[in-house]
C-alpha atoms as a PDB file:
ATOM      1  CA  UNK A   1     -12.025  -1.806   4.371  1.00  0.00           C
ATOM      2  CA  UNK A   2     -14.153  -4.577   2.884  1.00  0.00           C
ATOM      3  CA  UNK A   3     -15.360  -2.328   0.069  1.00  0.00           C
ATOM      4  CA  UNK A   4     -11.795  -1.440  -0.870  1.00  0.00           C
ATOM      5  CA  UNK A   5     -10.762  -5.108  -0.922  1.00  0.00           C
ATOM      6  CA  UNK A   6     -13.732  -6.132  -3.056  1.00  0.00           C
ATOM      7  CA  UNK A   7     -13.259  -3.223  -5.441  1.00  0.00           C
ATOM      8  CA  UNK A   8      -9.659  -4.182  -6.028  1.00  0.00           C
ATOM      9  CA  UNK A   9     -10.533  -7.814  -6.611  1.00  0.00           C
ATOM     10  CA  UNK A  10     -13.648  -7.555  -8.767  1.00  0.00           C
ATOM     11  CA  UNK A  11     -12.367  -4.987 -11.205  1.00  0.00           C
ATOM     12  CA  UNK A  12      -9.120  -6.829 -11.636  1.00  0.00           C
ATOM     13  CA  UNK A  13     -11.054  -9.792 -12.992  1.00  0.00           C
ATOM     14  CA  UNK A  14     -13.311  -7.976 -15.462  1.00  0.00           C
ATOM     15  CA  UNK A  15     -12.085  -6.131 -18.522  1.00  0.00           C
ATOM     16  CA  UNK A  16     -12.883  -2.465 -19.003  1.00  0.00           C
ATOM     17  CA  UNK A  17     -13.127  -0.682 -22.358  1.00  0.00           C
ATOM     18  CA  UNK A  18      -9.996   1.123 -23.440  1.00  0.00           C
ATOM     19  CA  UNK A  19     -10.249   4.900 -23.774  1.00  0.00           C
ATOM     20  CA  UNK A  20     -10.784   5.651 -27.459  1.00  0.00           C
ATOM     21  CA  UNK A  21     -10.260   9.386 -27.723  1.00  0.00           C
ATOM     22  CA  UNK A  22      -6.550   9.538 -26.994  1.00  0.00           C
ATOM     23  CA  UNK A  23      -6.167  12.917 -28.700  1.00  0.00           C
ATOM     24  CA  UNK A  24      -8.309  14.588 -26.028  1.00  0.00           C
ATOM     25  CA  UNK A  25      -5.857  13.694 -23.284  1.00  0.00           C
ATOM     26  CA  UNK A  26      -2.623  15.248 -22.156  1.00  0.00           C
ATOM     27  CA  UNK A  27       0.162  12.678 -21.979  1.00  0.00           C
ATOM     28  CA  UNK A  28       3.082  12.290 -19.620  1.00  0.00           C
ATOM     29  CA  UNK A  29       5.533   9.378 -19.920  1.00  0.00           C
ATOM     30  CA  UNK A  30       7.926   7.682 -17.521  1.00  0.00           C
ATOM     31  CA  UNK A  31      10.062   4.552 -17.819  1.00  0.00           C
ATOM     32  CA  UNK A  32       7.216   2.083 -17.277  1.00  0.00           C
ATOM     33  CA  UNK A  33       4.044   4.205 -17.526  1.00  0.00           C
ATOM     34  CA  UNK A  34       2.086   6.464 -19.855  1.00  0.00           C
ATOM     35  CA  UNK A  35      -0.184   8.834 -17.937  1.00  0.00           C
ATOM     36  CA  UNK A  36      -3.307  10.265 -19.610  1.00  0.00           C
ATOM     37  CA  UNK A  37      -4.945  13.261 -17.942  1.00  0.00           C
ATOM     38  CA  UNK A  38      -6.919  16.443 -18.644  1.00  0.00           C
ATOM     39  CA  UNK A  39      -7.067  18.965 -15.800  1.00  0.00           C
ATOM     40  CA  UNK A  40      -4.916  17.197 -13.228  1.00  0.00           C
ATOM     41  CA  UNK A  41      -2.257  19.532 -11.782  1.00  0.00           C
ATOM     42  CA  UNK A  42       1.348  18.754 -12.602  1.00  0.00           C
ATOM     43  CA  UNK A  43       2.175  18.052  -8.952  1.00  0.00           C
ATOM     44  CA  UNK A  44      -0.448  15.287  -8.954  1.00  0.00           C
ATOM     45  CA  UNK A  45       1.038  13.766 -12.122  1.00  0.00           C
ATOM     46  CA  UNK A  46       4.558  13.993 -10.699  1.00  0.00           C
ATOM     47  CA  UNK A  47       3.426  12.307  -7.490  1.00  0.00           C
ATOM     48  CA  UNK A  48       1.642   9.600  -9.470  1.00  0.00           C
ATOM     49  CA  UNK A  49       4.722   8.849 -11.572  1.00  0.00           C
ATOM     50  CA  UNK A  50       6.936   8.755  -8.493  1.00  0.00           C
ATOM     51  CA  UNK A  51       4.578   6.395  -6.673  1.00  0.00           C
ATOM     52  CA  UNK A  52       3.959   4.146  -9.683  1.00  0.00           C
ATOM     53  CA  UNK A  53       7.640   3.748 -10.536  1.00  0.00           C
ATOM     54  CA  UNK A  54       8.418   3.115  -6.871  1.00  0.00           C
ATOM     55  CA  UNK A  55       5.776   0.409  -6.607  1.00  0.00           C
ATOM     56  CA  UNK A  56       6.915  -1.177  -9.862  1.00  0.00           C
ATOM     57  CA  UNK A  57      10.470  -1.433  -8.557  1.00  0.00           C
ATOM     58  CA  UNK A  58       9.325  -2.711  -5.162  1.00  0.00           C
ATOM     59  CA  UNK A  59       7.060  -5.393  -6.610  1.00  0.00           C
ATOM     60  CA  UNK A  60       9.703  -6.487  -9.112  1.00  0.00           C
ATOM     61  CA  UNK A  61      12.446  -6.570  -6.475  1.00  0.00           C
ATOM     62  CA  UNK A  62      10.537  -7.999  -3.515  1.00  0.00           C
ATOM     63  CA  UNK A  63       8.979 -10.874  -5.441  1.00  0.00           C
ATOM     64  CA  UNK A  64      11.795 -11.511  -7.920  1.00  0.00           C
ATOM     65  CA  UNK A  65      10.136 -10.348 -11.146  1.00  0.00           C
ATOM     66  CA  UNK A  66      12.838  -7.750 -11.890  1.00  0.00           C
ATOM     67  CA  UNK A  67      14.601  -9.836 -14.530  1.00  0.00           C
ATOM     68  CA  UNK A  68      11.600 -10.015 -16.843  1.00  0.00           C
ATOM     69  CA  UNK A  69      11.319  -6.304 -17.786  1.00  0.00           C
ATOM     70  CA  UNK A  70       7.657  -6.388 -18.800  1.00  0.00           C
ATOM     71  CA  UNK A  71       6.810  -2.704 -19.107  1.00  0.00           C
ATOM     72  CA  UNK A  72       9.145  -0.858 -21.433  1.00  0.00           C
ATOM     73  CA  UNK A  73       8.613   1.408 -24.454  1.00  0.00           C
ATOM     74  CA  UNK A  74       5.372   0.513 -26.270  1.00  0.00           C
ATOM     75  CA  UNK A  75       4.607  -2.089 -23.623  1.00  0.00           C
ATOM     76  CA  UNK A  76       4.286   0.457 -20.824  1.00  0.00           C
ATOM     77  CA  UNK A  77       1.216   0.398 -18.595  1.00  0.00           C
ATOM     78  CA  UNK A  78      -1.369   3.169 -19.035  1.00  0.00           C
ATOM     79  CA  UNK A  79      -2.941   5.187 -16.241  1.00  0.00           C
ATOM     80  CA  UNK A  80      -5.997   7.381 -16.907  1.00  0.00           C
ATOM     81  CA  UNK A  81      -6.681  10.249 -14.506  1.00  0.00           C
ATOM     82  CA  UNK A  82     -10.241  11.569 -14.727  1.00  0.00           C
ATOM     83  CA  UNK A  83     -11.042  15.038 -13.443  1.00  0.00           C
ATOM     84  CA  UNK A  84     -13.545  13.923 -10.806  1.00  0.00           C
ATOM     85  CA  UNK A  85     -15.322  10.891  -9.384  1.00  0.00           C
ATOM     86  CA  UNK A  86     -18.454  11.359 -11.490  1.00  0.00           C
ATOM     87  CA  UNK A  87     -16.537  11.443 -14.787  1.00  0.00           C
ATOM     88  CA  UNK A  88     -14.490   8.424 -13.731  1.00  0.00           C
ATOM     89  CA  UNK A  89     -17.562   6.411 -12.758  1.00  0.00           C
ATOM     90  CA  UNK A  90     -19.393   7.286 -15.977  1.00  0.00           C
ATOM     91  CA  UNK A  91     -16.420   6.304 -18.151  1.00  0.00           C
ATOM     92  CA  UNK A  92     -15.525   3.083 -16.347  1.00  0.00           C
ATOM     93  CA  UNK A  93     -19.014   1.981 -15.228  1.00  0.00           C
ATOM     94  CA  UNK A  94     -17.769   1.586 -11.666  1.00  0.00           C
ATOM     95  CA  UNK A  95     -19.972   2.014  -8.558  1.00  0.00           C
ATOM     96  CA  UNK A  96     -19.995   5.192  -6.500  1.00  0.00           C
ATOM     97  CA  UNK A  97     -17.660   3.757  -3.853  1.00  0.00           C
ATOM     98  CA  UNK A  98     -14.931   2.856  -6.376  1.00  0.00           C
ATOM     99  CA  UNK A  99     -11.756   4.954  -6.237  1.00  0.00           C
ATOM    100  CA  UNK A 100      -9.827   3.171  -8.969  1.00  0.00           C
ATOM    101  CA  UNK A 101      -9.936   0.133 -11.241  1.00  0.00           C
ATOM    102  CA  UNK A 102      -7.862  -1.859 -13.690  1.00  0.00           C
ATOM    103  CA  UNK A 103      -8.124  -3.681 -16.977  1.00  0.00           C
ATOM    104  CA  UNK A 104      -5.543  -6.400 -16.324  1.00  0.00           C
ATOM    105  CA  UNK A 105      -5.447  -7.710 -19.893  1.00  0.00           C
ATOM    106  CA  UNK A 106      -4.635  -4.322 -21.427  1.00  0.00           C
ATOM    107  CA  UNK A 107      -2.567  -2.989 -18.510  1.00  0.00           C
ATOM    108  CA  UNK A 108      -4.827   0.017 -17.950  1.00  0.00           C
ATOM    109  CA  UNK A 109      -5.427   1.567 -14.524  1.00  0.00           C
ATOM    110  CA  UNK A 110      -8.029   4.303 -14.042  1.00  0.00           C
ATOM    111  CA  UNK A 111      -8.715   6.732 -11.207  1.00  0.00           C
ATOM    112  CA  UNK A 112      -9.559  10.398 -10.628  1.00  0.00           C
ATOM    113  CA  UNK A 113      -7.870  13.448  -9.121  1.00  0.00           C
ATOM    114  CA  UNK A 114      -7.541  13.286  -5.333  1.00  0.00           C
ATOM    115  CA  UNK A 115      -8.880   9.760  -5.023  1.00  0.00           C
ATOM    116  CA  UNK A 116      -8.114   9.336  -1.326  1.00  0.00           C
ATOM    117  CA  UNK A 117      -7.132   5.663  -1.282  1.00  0.00           C
ATOM    118  CA  UNK A 118      -5.640   5.358  -4.748  1.00  0.00           C
ATOM    119  CA  UNK A 119      -1.948   6.006  -4.082  1.00  0.00           C
ATOM    120  CA  UNK A 120      -1.549   3.791  -1.024  1.00  0.00           C
ATOM    121  CA  UNK A 121      -4.038   1.021  -1.733  1.00  0.00           C
ATOM    122  CA  UNK A 122      -5.474   0.643  -5.216  1.00  0.00           C
ATOM    123  CA  UNK A 123      -2.402   1.590  -7.275  1.00  0.00           C
ATOM    124  CA  UNK A 124      -0.034  -0.990  -5.723  1.00  0.00           C
ATOM    125  CA  UNK A 125      -2.818  -3.593  -5.596  1.00  0.00           C
ATOM    126  CA  UNK A 126      -3.758  -3.340  -9.262  1.00  0.00           C
ATOM    127  CA  UNK A 127      -0.117  -3.165 -10.339  1.00  0.00           C
ATOM    128  CA  UNK A 128       0.477  -6.377  -8.412  1.00  0.00           C
ATOM    129  CA  UNK A 129      -2.391  -8.072 -10.259  1.00  0.00           C
ATOM    130  CA  UNK A 130      -1.100  -6.925 -13.638  1.00  0.00           C
ATOM    131  CA  UNK A 131       2.543  -7.871 -13.034  1.00  0.00           C
ATOM    132  CA  UNK A 132       1.608 -11.309 -11.703  1.00  0.00           C
ATOM    133  CA  UNK A 133      -0.909 -12.094 -14.431  1.00  0.00           C
ATOM    134  CA  UNK A 134       1.460 -10.931 -17.139  1.00  0.00           C
ATOM    135  CA  UNK A 135       4.023 -13.354 -15.750  1.00  0.00           C
ATOM    136  CA  UNK A 136       1.732 -16.306 -15.139  1.00  0.00           C
ATOM    137  CA  UNK A 137      -0.906 -15.800 -17.851  1.00  0.00           C
ATOM    138  CA  UNK A 138      -4.438 -14.417 -17.775  1.00  0.00           C
ATOM    139  CA  UNK A 139      -6.222 -17.734 -18.255  1.00  0.00           C
ATOM    140  CA  UNK A 140      -3.864 -20.101 -16.452  1.00  0.00           C
ATOM    141  CA  UNK A 141      -5.836 -22.804 -14.652  1.00  0.00           C
ATOM    142  CA  UNK A 142      -5.154 -23.874 -11.096  1.00  0.00           C
ATOM    143  CA  UNK A 143      -4.171 -20.477  -9.676  1.00  0.00           C
ATOM    144  CA  UNK A 144      -5.673 -20.098  -6.194  1.00  0.00           C
ATOM    145  CA  UNK A 145      -7.274 -16.742  -5.510  1.00  0.00           C
ATOM    146  CA  UNK A 146      -5.122 -16.292  -2.404  1.00  0.00           C
ATOM    147  CA  UNK A 147      -1.970 -16.306  -4.550  1.00  0.00           C
ATOM    148  CA  UNK A 148      -3.319 -13.697  -6.977  1.00  0.00           C
ATOM    149  CA  UNK A 149      -4.709 -11.513  -4.196  1.00  0.00           C
ATOM    150  CA  UNK A 150      -1.702 -12.035  -1.938  1.00  0.00           C
ATOM    151  CA  UNK A 151       0.714 -10.801  -4.569  1.00  0.00           C
ATOM    152  CA  UNK A 152      -1.584  -7.889  -5.395  1.00  0.00           C
ATOM    153  CA  UNK A 153      -1.799  -6.933  -1.714  1.00  0.00           C
ATOM    154  CA  UNK A 154       1.871  -7.513  -0.892  1.00  0.00           C
ATOM    155  CA  UNK A 155       2.863  -3.875  -1.439  1.00  0.00           C
ATOM    156  CA  UNK A 156      -0.080  -2.390   0.444  1.00  0.00           C
ATOM    157  CA  UNK A 157       1.536  -1.124   3.626  1.00  0.00           C
ATOM    158  CA  UNK A 158      -1.727  -1.186   5.557  1.00  0.00           C
ATOM    159  CA  UNK A 159      -2.283  -4.890   4.912  1.00  0.00           C
ATOM    160  CA  UNK A 160       1.360  -5.979   5.041  1.00  0.00           C
ATOM    161  CA  UNK A 161       2.005  -4.242   8.359  1.00  0.00           C
ATOM    162  CA  UNK A 162      -0.854  -6.006  10.117  1.00  0.00           C
ATOM    163  CA  UNK A 163      -0.898  -9.359   8.306  1.00  0.00           C
ATOM    164  CA  UNK A 164       1.180 -11.598  10.583  1.00  0.00           C
ATOM    165  CA  UNK A 165      -0.127 -10.140  13.845  1.00  0.00           C
ATOM    166  CA  UNK A 166      -3.683 -10.518  12.536  1.00  0.00           C
ATOM    167  CA  UNK A 167      -3.015 -14.158  11.602  1.00  0.00           C
ATOM    168  CA  UNK A 168      -1.370 -14.939  14.951  1.00  0.00           C
ATOM    169  CA  UNK A 169      -4.410 -13.587  16.744  1.00  0.00           C
ATOM    170  CA  UNK A 170      -6.650 -15.748  14.542  1.00  0.00           C
ATOM    171  CA  UNK A 171      -4.580 -18.822  15.458  1.00  0.00           C
ATOM    172  CA  UNK A 172      -4.979 -18.075  19.167  1.00  0.00           C
ATOM    173  CA  UNK A 173      -8.741 -17.639  18.820  1.00  0.00           C
ATOM    174  CA  UNK A 174      -9.189 -20.710  16.623  1.00  0.00           C
ATOM    175  CA  UNK A 175     -10.262 -18.644  13.623  1.00  0.00           C
ATOM    176  CA  UNK A 176      -7.259 -19.450  11.409  1.00  0.00           C
ATOM    177  CA  UNK A 177      -8.129 -20.645   7.892  1.00  0.00           C
ATOM    178  CA  UNK A 178      -5.849 -23.484   6.798  1.00  0.00           C
ATOM    179  CA  UNK A 179      -4.410 -23.370   3.289  1.00  0.00           C
ATOM    180  CA  UNK A 180      -6.656 -26.127   1.959  1.00  0.00           C
ATOM    181  CA  UNK A 181      -9.747 -24.135   2.891  1.00  0.00           C
ATOM    182  CA  UNK A 182      -8.147 -20.828   1.892  1.00  0.00           C
ATOM    183  CA  UNK A 183      -7.506 -22.273  -1.586  1.00  0.00           C
ATOM    184  CA  UNK A 184     -11.227 -22.906  -2.030  1.00  0.00           C
ATOM    185  CA  UNK A 185     -12.371 -19.456  -0.930  1.00  0.00           C
ATOM    186  CA  UNK A 186     -13.588 -16.548  -3.029  1.00  0.00           C
ATOM    187  CA  UNK A 187     -13.432 -13.339  -0.986  1.00  0.00           C
ATOM    188  CA  UNK A 188     -16.252 -11.776  -3.000  1.00  0.00           C
ATOM    189  CA  UNK A 189     -18.550 -14.446  -1.576  1.00  0.00           C
ATOM    190  CA  UNK A 190     -17.594 -13.776   2.042  1.00  0.00           C
ATOM    191  CA  UNK A 191     -20.262 -11.917   3.977  1.00  0.00           C
ATOM    192  CA  UNK A 192     -18.395 -10.917   7.127  1.00  0.00           C
ATOM    193  CA  UNK A 193     -15.751  -8.198   7.083  1.00  0.00           C
ATOM    194  CA  UNK A 194     -13.718 -10.190   9.596  1.00  0.00           C
ATOM    195  CA  UNK A 195     -13.486 -13.096   7.150  1.00  0.00           C
ATOM    196  CA  UNK A 196     -12.510 -10.815   4.280  1.00  0.00           C
ATOM    197  CA  UNK A 197      -9.773  -9.182   6.341  1.00  0.00           C
ATOM    198  CA  UNK A 198      -8.444 -12.556   7.482  1.00  0.00           C
ATOM    199  CA  UNK A 199      -8.454 -13.893   3.916  1.00  0.00           C
ATOM    200  CA  UNK A 200      -6.314 -11.002   2.686  1.00  0.00           C
ATOM    201  CA  UNK A 201      -4.035 -11.110   5.726  1.00  0.00           C
ATOM    202  CA  UNK A 202      -3.390 -14.822   5.206  1.00  0.00           C
ATOM    203  CA  UNK A 203      -2.909 -14.354   1.460  1.00  0.00           C
ATOM    204  CA  UNK A 204      -0.166 -11.811   2.155  1.00  0.00           C
ATOM    205  CA  UNK A 205       1.209 -13.827   5.070  1.00  0.00           C
ATOM    206  CA  UNK A 206       1.779 -17.080   3.177  1.00  0.00           C
ATOM    207  CA  UNK A 207       3.568 -15.263   0.355  1.00  0.00           C
ATOM    208  CA  UNK A 208       5.705 -13.412   2.888  1.00  0.00           C
ATOM    209  CA  UNK A 209       6.572 -16.777   4.468  1.00  0.00           C
ATOM    210  CA  UNK A 210       7.528 -18.393   1.159  1.00  0.00           C
ATOM    211  CA  UNK A 211       9.668 -15.461   0.032  1.00  0.00           C
ATOM    212  CA  UNK A 212      11.444 -14.892   3.358  1.00  0.00           C
ATOM    213  CA  UNK A 213      11.925 -18.562   4.265  1.00  0.00           C
ATOM    214  CA  UNK A 214      12.877 -19.981   0.867  1.00  0.00           C
ATOM    215  CA  UNK A 215      13.873 -16.973  -1.240  1.00  0.00           C
ATOM    216  CA  UNK A 216      12.777 -15.209  -4.417  1.00  0.00           C
ATOM    217  CA  UNK A 217      14.209 -17.758  -6.853  1.00  0.00           C
ATOM    218  CA  UNK A 218      12.138 -20.575  -5.389  1.00  0.00           C
ATOM    219  CA  UNK A 219       9.053 -18.361  -5.346  1.00  0.00           C
ATOM    220  CA  UNK A 220       9.507 -17.544  -9.032  1.00  0.00           C
ATOM    221  CA  UNK A 221      10.024 -21.252  -9.775  1.00  0.00           C
ATOM    222  CA  UNK A 222       6.864 -22.033  -7.800  1.00  0.00           C
ATOM    223  CA  UNK A 223       4.861 -19.549  -9.892  1.00  0.00           C
ATOM    224  CA  UNK A 224       6.383 -20.908 -13.118  1.00  0.00           C
ATOM    225  CA  UNK A 225       5.613 -24.500 -12.137  1.00  0.00           C
ATOM    226  CA  UNK A 226       2.061 -23.595 -11.207  1.00  0.00           C
ATOM    227  CA  UNK A 227       1.721 -21.802 -14.543  1.00  0.00           C
ATOM    228  CA  UNK A 228       3.073 -24.760 -16.532  1.00  0.00           C
ATOM    229  CA  UNK A 229       1.445 -27.618 -14.623  1.00  0.00           C
ATOM    230  CA  UNK A 230      -1.764 -25.993 -13.387  1.00  0.00           C
ATOM    231  CA  UNK A 231      -1.720 -27.929 -10.129  1.00  0.00           C
ATOM    232  CA  UNK A 232      -1.082 -26.281  -6.761  1.00  0.00           C
ATOM    233  CA  UNK A 233       0.035 -29.370  -4.844  1.00  0.00           C
ATOM    234  CA  UNK A 234       2.368 -30.517  -7.616  1.00  0.00           C
ATOM    235  CA  UNK A 235       3.955 -27.070  -7.702  1.00  0.00           C
ATOM    236  CA  UNK A 236       4.413 -27.089  -3.910  1.00  0.00           C
ATOM    237  CA  UNK A 237       5.939 -30.582  -3.972  1.00  0.00           C
ATOM    238  CA  UNK A 238       8.222 -29.788  -6.917  1.00  0.00           C
ATOM    239  CA  UNK A 239       9.711 -26.587  -5.471  1.00  0.00           C
ATOM    240  CA  UNK A 240       9.437 -26.753  -1.696  1.00  0.00           C
ATOM    241  CA  UNK A 241      10.354 -29.448   0.870  1.00  0.00           C
ATOM    242  CA  UNK A 242       6.724 -30.400   1.423  1.00  0.00           C
ATOM    243  CA  UNK A 243       4.793 -33.359   0.079  1.00  0.00           C
ATOM    244  CA  UNK A 244       1.491 -31.529   0.017  1.00  0.00           C
ATOM    245  CA  UNK A 245      -0.356 -28.381   1.019  1.00  0.00           C
ATOM    246  CA  UNK A 246      -0.984 -29.697   4.532  1.00  0.00           C
ATOM    247  CA  UNK A 247       2.741 -29.904   5.263  1.00  0.00           C
ATOM    248  CA  UNK A 248       3.204 -26.372   3.925  1.00  0.00           C
ATOM    249  CA  UNK A 249       0.378 -25.207   6.165  1.00  0.00           C
ATOM    250  CA  UNK A 250       1.951 -26.877   9.220  1.00  0.00           C
ATOM    251  CA  UNK A 251       5.344 -25.281   8.523  1.00  0.00           C
ATOM    252  CA  UNK A 252       3.745 -21.858   8.087  1.00  0.00           C
ATOM    253  CA  UNK A 253       1.811 -22.107  11.366  1.00  0.00           C
ATOM    254  CA  UNK A 254       4.951 -23.283  13.173  1.00  0.00           C
ATOM    255  CA  UNK A 255       6.818 -20.284  11.723  1.00  0.00           C
ATOM    256  CA  UNK A 256       4.110 -17.910  12.945  1.00  0.00           C
ATOM    257  CA  UNK A 257       4.029 -19.404  16.419  1.00  0.00           C
ATOM    258  CA  UNK A 258       7.764 -18.962  17.065  1.00  0.00           C
END
């Protein structure tokens, strides 16, 4: 699990070269995506389009980004499907354990046929990164990693389904990471799988709390304020009924303990 988390995070932060030889690829288009492939069977492409469009709608609806219509016509995201893992790794310079990667700046996602974790894990994760960063800006200062990773992980059923129960157990055991400390953490630097899993669970959990407790409009305003002001505590104070991150943390823990 740790390798999947780190793969999703690291490759979302580093640009990959765009594929130059477009003419060598078959192309299939949907409302928000352009799929490039060579030998992939049509059923795989159809499944990919269905999953990608479904995730796009879910992310846009669940987090309130629907109104912004980022990915239409020439602005559609691109997905490259390589024929096998070796070709994918050679083209993208990814390690042997990578099943998919993204160039956030250019809205390009790459994988290979039958990548076993791509549909349920990497595809929604990387789409979350791209949608959020397109909304908030690639170089915006003051964005905590937990917010970026939490949004990216929000549609991953495996993480979402276990997030709150995992956090509640951490609270009982005294392992809970408060938001002040969470905001300083870089999951790539964490050495223990338990810490990595808790980081991602809490990242998803706090976003779930903000959206469910205060609604999508306030969450969008929070992201906009953070984008414009570049200060986490000011954004929290401006949008939510908390004077600082500690009060938000206390309210979240109280919510979890009910």
